[in-house]
Amino acid sequence: MEGRIFALDQQTLIQIGIQLLNAIVLAVVLTYLLYKPVRKFMQKRADGIQSQLDRAQDDAQAAEKWKAFYEQRLEEIELEREGILEEAQRLAAENTERMLGAAGEEIAAKKERAAAGIQARQELANEELRLQIIDTASAMAGKFVATAMDEEAQDRLFGEALAELEDVV
């Protein structure tokens, strides 16, 4: 057997059988020793991942509830804001109307006072004019009486009196 590279004799077959038996025993022992711990580790890992997924789902549901709550609160706040704005606008309109009414009353009172003042000044001016006319008429009468006038002199004096009246008025 010395010239052969690969010989299938009984010794080689026994060695192959022993190695095959050793490999099987080793596989069984390793399976028993490693499979259960690895399987247990993988199960724990799968359980951990599943619990994280469950927590994430619960957190997402809680977040949705909070989101709905905050959106509802925002709507309530918006409605309250609109109510406050409407009330402020109503109060502003009332204040404006009240102020305009007061200003109108004040303006009317000032107009009445001004009209009364103008009326009083007109009456005073009329009285002064009446007194001047009386003075002028008495002066004219005095001149008429003092001189015996002819018609030409009377017309001239009357014209002078009229000129004086026009200057006064």
C-alpha atoms as a PDB file:
ATOM      1  CA  MET A   1       0.000   0.000   0.000  1.00  0.00           C
ATOM      2  CA  GLU A   2       2.813   2.161  -0.130  1.00  0.00           C
ATOM      3  CA  GLY A   3       2.449   3.389  -3.598  1.00  0.00           C
ATOM      4  CA  ARG A   4      -1.070   4.651  -3.231  1.00  0.00           C
ATOM      5  CA  ILE A   5      -2.067   8.166  -2.281  1.00  0.00           C
ATOM      6  CA  PHE A   6      -5.530   7.356  -1.064  1.00  0.00           C
ATOM      7  CA  ALA A   7      -6.229   3.871   0.178  1.00  0.00           C
ATOM      8  CA  LEU A   8      -9.643   2.650   1.238  1.00  0.00           C
ATOM      9  CA  ASP A   9      -8.676  -0.083   3.492  1.00  0.00           C
ATOM     10  CA  GLN A  10     -10.150  -1.211   6.752  1.00  0.00           C
ATOM     11  CA  GLN A  11      -7.991   1.027   8.956  1.00  0.00           C
ATOM     12  CA  THR A  12      -8.975   4.133   6.977  1.00  0.00           C
ATOM     13  CA  LEU A  13     -12.648   3.214   7.114  1.00  0.00           C
ATOM     14  CA  ILE A  14     -12.481   2.693  10.911  1.00  0.00           C
ATOM     15  CA  GLN A  15     -10.788   6.060  11.338  1.00  0.00           C
ATOM     16  CA  ILE A  16     -13.445   7.725   9.151  1.00  0.00           C
ATOM     17  CA  GLY A  17     -16.197   5.990  11.191  1.00  0.00           C
ATOM     18  CA  ILE A  18     -14.625   7.122  14.488  1.00  0.00           C
ATOM     19  CA  GLN A  19     -14.298  10.699  13.234  1.00  0.00           C
ATOM     20  CA  LEU A  20     -17.885  10.591  11.997  1.00  0.00           C
ATOM     21  CA  LEU A  21     -19.045   9.288  15.400  1.00  0.00           C
ATOM     22  CA  ASN A  22     -17.003  11.978  17.154  1.00  0.00           C
ATOM     23  CA  ALA A  23     -18.578  14.644  14.909  1.00  0.00           C
ATOM     24  CA  ILE A  24     -22.085  13.345  15.673  1.00  0.00           C
ATOM     25  CA  VAL A  25     -21.392  13.183  19.416  1.00  0.00           C
ATOM     26  CA  LEU A  26     -19.864  16.646  19.286  1.00  0.00           C
ATOM     27  CA  ALA A  27     -22.902  17.976  17.356  1.00  0.00           C
ATOM     28  CA  VAL A  28     -25.327  16.407  19.880  1.00  0.00           C
ATOM     29  CA  VAL A  29     -23.371  17.718  22.875  1.00  0.00           C
ATOM     30  CA  LEU A  30     -22.991  21.163  21.355  1.00  0.00           C
ATOM     31  CA  THR A  31     -26.664  21.215  20.390  1.00  0.00           C
ATOM     32  CA  TYR A  32     -27.650  20.261  23.927  1.00  0.00           C
ATOM     33  CA  LEU A  33     -25.210  22.714  25.494  1.00  0.00           C
ATOM     34  CA  LEU A  34     -25.586  25.639  23.081  1.00  0.00           C
ATOM     35  CA  TYR A  35     -28.998  25.326  21.425  1.00  0.00           C
ATOM     36  CA  LYS A  36     -31.096  25.800  24.533  1.00  0.00           C
ATOM     37  CA  PRO A  37     -29.126  28.843  25.832  1.00  0.00           C
ATOM     38  CA  VAL A  38     -29.062  30.396  22.357  1.00  0.00           C
ATOM     39  CA  ARG A  39     -32.768  29.682  21.932  1.00  0.00           C
ATOM     40  CA  LYS A  40     -33.442  31.125  25.387  1.00  0.00           C
ATOM     41  CA  PHE A  41     -31.334  34.209  24.534  1.00  0.00           C
ATOM     42  CA  MET A  42     -33.149  34.637  21.218  1.00  0.00           C
ATOM     43  CA  GLN A  43     -36.536  34.247  22.947  1.00  0.00           C
ATOM     44  CA  LYS A  44     -35.586  36.898  25.519  1.00  0.00           C
ATOM     45  CA  ARG A  45     -34.466  39.154  22.710  1.00  0.00           C
ATOM     46  CA  ALA A  46     -37.724  38.590  20.798  1.00  0.00           C
ATOM     47  CA  ASP A  47     -39.727  39.233  23.994  1.00  0.00           C
ATOM     48  CA  GLY A  48     -37.750  42.452  24.609  1.00  0.00           C
ATOM     49  CA  ILE A  49     -38.359  43.653  21.078  1.00  0.00           C
ATOM     50  CA  GLN A  50     -42.055  42.772  21.358  1.00  0.00           C
ATOM     51  CA  SER A  51     -42.345  44.644  24.666  1.00  0.00           C
ATOM     52  CA  GLN A  52     -40.648  47.673  23.081  1.00  0.00           C
ATOM     53  CA  LEU A  53     -43.105  47.514  20.189  1.00  0.00           C
ATOM     54  CA  ASP A  54     -46.009  47.238  22.632  1.00  0.00           C
ATOM     55  CA  ARG A  55     -44.700  50.212  24.644  1.00  0.00           C
ATOM     56  CA  ALA A  56     -44.214  52.209  21.440  1.00  0.00           C
ATOM     57  CA  GLN A  57     -47.779  51.399  20.397  1.00  0.00           C
ATOM     58  CA  ASP A  58     -49.090  52.387  23.845  1.00  0.00           C
ATOM     59  CA  ASP A  59     -47.033  55.585  23.722  1.00  0.00           C
ATOM     60  CA  ALA A  60     -48.413  56.350  20.249  1.00  0.00           C
ATOM     61  CA  GLN A  61     -51.968  55.863  21.523  1.00  0.00           C
ATOM     62  CA  ALA A  62     -51.265  58.082  24.537  1.00  0.00           C
ATOM     63  CA  ALA A  63     -49.727  60.687  22.232  1.00  0.00           C
ATOM     64  CA  GLU A  64     -52.849  60.598  20.045  1.00  0.00           C
ATOM     65  CA  LYS A  65     -55.034  61.091  23.136  1.00  0.00           C
ATOM     66  CA  TRP A  66     -52.897  64.047  24.261  1.00  0.00           C
ATOM     67  CA  LYS A  67     -52.924  65.471  20.764  1.00  0.00           C
ATOM     68  CA  ALA A  68     -56.727  65.251  20.658  1.00  0.00           C
ATOM     69  CA  PHE A  69     -56.903  66.832  24.127  1.00  0.00           C
ATOM     70  CA  TYR A  70     -54.627  69.719  23.127  1.00  0.00           C
ATOM     71  CA  GLU A  71     -56.493  70.266  19.868  1.00  0.00           C
ATOM     72  CA  GLN A  72     -59.759  70.422  21.823  1.00  0.00           C
ATOM     73  CA  ARG A  73     -58.192  72.882  24.283  1.00  0.00           C
ATOM     74  CA  LEU A  74     -56.909  74.999  21.368  1.00  0.00           C
ATOM     75  CA  GLU A  75     -60.418  75.084  19.884  1.00  0.00           C
ATOM     76  CA  GLU A  76     -61.859  76.101  23.270  1.00  0.00           C
ATOM     77  CA  ILE A  77     -59.212  78.805  23.628  1.00  0.00           C
ATOM     78  CA  GLU A  78     -59.942  80.039  20.101  1.00  0.00           C
ATOM     79  CA  LEU A  79     -63.665  80.238  20.879  1.00  0.00           C
ATOM     80  CA  GLU A  80     -62.914  82.068  24.119  1.00  0.00           C
ATOM     81  CA  ARG A  81     -60.599  84.462  22.259  1.00  0.00           C
ATOM     82  CA  GLU A  82     -63.319  85.184  19.706  1.00  0.00           C
ATOM     83  CA  GLY A  83     -65.815  85.811  22.514  1.00  0.00           C
ATOM     84  CA  ILE A  84     -63.432  88.198  24.239  1.00  0.00           C
ATOM     85  CA  LEU A  85     -62.787  90.038  20.967  1.00  0.00           C
ATOM     86  CA  GLU A  86     -66.510  90.345  20.269  1.00  0.00           C
ATOM     87  CA  GLU A  87     -67.119  91.662  23.794  1.00  0.00           C
ATOM     88  CA  ALA A  88     -64.251  94.149  23.414  1.00  0.00           C
ATOM     89  CA  GLN A  89     -65.630  95.325  20.069  1.00  0.00           C
ATOM     90  CA  ARG A  90     -69.107  95.693  21.571  1.00  0.00           C
ATOM     91  CA  LEU A  91     -67.737  97.692  24.510  1.00  0.00           C
ATOM     92  CA  ALA A  92     -65.658  99.838  22.168  1.00  0.00           C
ATOM     93  CA  ALA A  93     -68.735 100.540  20.031  1.00  0.00           C
ATOM     94  CA  GLU A  94     -70.748 101.458  23.147  1.00  0.00           C
ATOM     95  CA  ASN A  95     -67.958 103.744  24.381  1.00  0.00           C
ATOM     96  CA  THR A  96     -67.696 105.352  20.955  1.00  0.00           C
ATOM     97  CA  GLU A  97     -71.450 105.944  20.807  1.00  0.00           C
ATOM     98  CA  ARG A  98     -71.456 107.344  24.343  1.00  0.00           C
ATOM     99  CA  MET A  99     -68.505 109.622  23.578  1.00  0.00           C
ATOM    100  CA  LEU A 100     -70.054 110.771  20.295  1.00  0.00           C
ATOM    101  CA  GLY A 101     -73.343 111.459  22.098  1.00  0.00           C
ATOM    102  CA  ALA A 102     -71.542 113.460  24.787  1.00  0.00           C
ATOM    103  CA  ALA A 103     -69.545 115.336  22.151  1.00  0.00           C
ATOM    104  CA  GLY A 104     -72.757 116.054  20.197  1.00  0.00           C
ATOM    105  CA  GLU A 105     -74.445 117.361  23.341  1.00  0.00           C
ATOM    106  CA  GLU A 106     -71.421 119.511  24.129  1.00  0.00           C
ATOM    107  CA  ILE A 107     -71.334 120.860  20.573  1.00  0.00           C
ATOM    108  CA  ALA A 108     -75.069 121.596  20.706  1.00  0.00           C
ATOM    109  CA  ALA A 109     -74.617 123.420  24.030  1.00  0.00           C
ATOM    110  CA  LYS A 110     -71.721 125.440  22.582  1.00  0.00           C
ATOM    111  CA  LYS A 111     -73.819 126.290  19.528  1.00  0.00           C
ATOM    112  CA  GLU A 112     -76.667 127.412  21.766  1.00  0.00           C
ATOM    113  CA  ARG A 113     -74.290 129.545  23.856  1.00  0.00           C
ATOM    114  CA  ALA A 114     -72.743 130.990  20.697  1.00  0.00           C
ATOM    115  CA  ALA A 115     -76.192 131.712  19.231  1.00  0.00           C
ATOM    116  CA  ALA A 116     -77.247 133.348  22.494  1.00  0.00           C
ATOM    117  CA  GLY A 117     -74.040 135.415  22.495  1.00  0.00           C
ATOM    118  CA  ILE A 118     -74.583 136.445  18.882  1.00  0.00           C
ATOM    119  CA  GLN A 119     -78.210 137.302  19.637  1.00  0.00           C
ATOM    120  CA  ALA A 120     -77.137 139.371  22.652  1.00  0.00           C
ATOM    121  CA  ARG A 121     -74.510 141.196  20.547  1.00  0.00           C
ATOM    122  CA  GLN A 122     -77.063 141.853  17.804  1.00  0.00           C
ATOM    123  CA  GLU A 123     -79.532 143.224  20.327  1.00  0.00           C
ATOM    124  CA  LEU A 124     -76.790 145.403  21.829  1.00  0.00           C
ATOM    125  CA  ALA A 125     -75.764 146.614  18.360  1.00  0.00           C
ATOM    126  CA  ASN A 126     -79.421 147.301  17.487  1.00  0.00           C
ATOM    127  CA  GLU A 127     -79.859 149.235  20.741  1.00  0.00           C
ATOM    128  CA  GLU A 128     -76.703 151.270  20.072  1.00  0.00           C
ATOM    129  CA  LEU A 129     -77.888 151.922  16.520  1.00  0.00           C
ATOM    130  CA  ARG A 130     -81.332 152.959  17.797  1.00  0.00           C
ATOM    131  CA  LEU A 131     -79.687 155.338  20.297  1.00  0.00           C
ATOM    132  CA  GLN A 132     -77.482 156.820  17.591  1.00  0.00           C
ATOM    133  CA  ILE A 133     -80.479 157.218  15.310  1.00  0.00           C
ATOM    134  CA  ILE A 134     -82.327 158.969  18.139  1.00  0.00           C
ATOM    135  CA  ASP A 135     -79.293 161.189  18.770  1.00  0.00           C
ATOM    136  CA  THR A 136     -78.995 161.942  15.073  1.00  0.00           C
ATOM    137  CA  ALA A 137     -82.732 162.592  14.764  1.00  0.00           C
ATOM    138  CA  SER A 138     -82.658 164.935  17.787  1.00  0.00           C
ATOM    139  CA  ALA A 139     -79.628 166.689  16.373  1.00  0.00           C
ATOM    140  CA  MET A 140     -81.451 167.034  13.058  1.00  0.00           C
ATOM    141  CA  ALA A 141     -84.583 168.262  14.775  1.00  0.00           C
ATOM    142  CA  GLY A 142     -82.471 170.709  16.732  1.00  0.00           C
ATOM    143  CA  LYS A 143     -80.905 171.984  13.537  1.00  0.00           C
ATOM    144  CA  PHE A 144     -84.283 172.205  11.865  1.00  0.00           C
ATOM    145  CA  VAL A 145     -85.696 174.161  14.760  1.00  0.00           C
ATOM    146  CA  ALA A 146     -82.639 176.363  15.183  1.00  0.00           C
ATOM    147  CA  THR A 147     -82.690 177.626  11.673  1.00  0.00           C
ATOM    148  CA  ALA A 148     -85.526 178.498   9.577  1.00  0.00           C
ATOM    149  CA  MET A 149     -84.739 176.475   6.682  1.00  0.00           C
ATOM    150  CA  ASP A 150     -85.699 176.528   3.223  1.00  0.00           C
ATOM    151  CA  GLU A 151     -86.239 173.320   1.349  1.00  0.00           C
ATOM    152  CA  GLU A 152     -82.744 173.262  -0.044  1.00  0.00           C
ATOM    153  CA  ALA A 153     -81.195 173.505   3.419  1.00  0.00           C
ATOM    154  CA  GLN A 154     -83.482 170.798   4.708  1.00  0.00           C
ATOM    155  CA  ASP A 155     -82.437 168.440   1.879  1.00  0.00           C
ATOM    156  CA  ARG A 156     -78.771 169.171   2.554  1.00  0.00           C
ATOM    157  CA  LEU A 157     -79.170 168.524   6.317  1.00  0.00           C
ATOM    158  CA  PHE A 158     -81.146 165.367   5.602  1.00  0.00           C
ATOM    159  CA  GLY A 159     -78.343 164.141   3.288  1.00  0.00           C
ATOM    160  CA  GLU A 160     -75.733 164.877   5.947  1.00  0.00           C
ATOM    161  CA  ALA A 161     -77.757 162.957   8.518  1.00  0.00           C
ATOM    162  CA  LEU A 162     -78.081 160.033   6.156  1.00  0.00           C
ATOM    163  CA  ALA A 163     -74.328 160.078   5.509  1.00  0.00           C
ATOM    164  CA  GLU A 164     -73.674 160.049   9.241  1.00  0.00           C
ATOM    165  CA  LEU A 165     -76.078 157.109   9.655  1.00  0.00           C
ATOM    166  CA  GLU A 166     -74.370 155.197   6.858  1.00  0.00           C
ATOM    167  CA  ASP A 167     -71.004 155.767   8.513  1.00  0.00           C
ATOM    168  CA  VAL A 168     -72.351 154.458  11.822  1.00  0.00           C
ATOM    169  CA  VAL A 169     -74.003 151.419  10.291  1.00  0.00           C
END
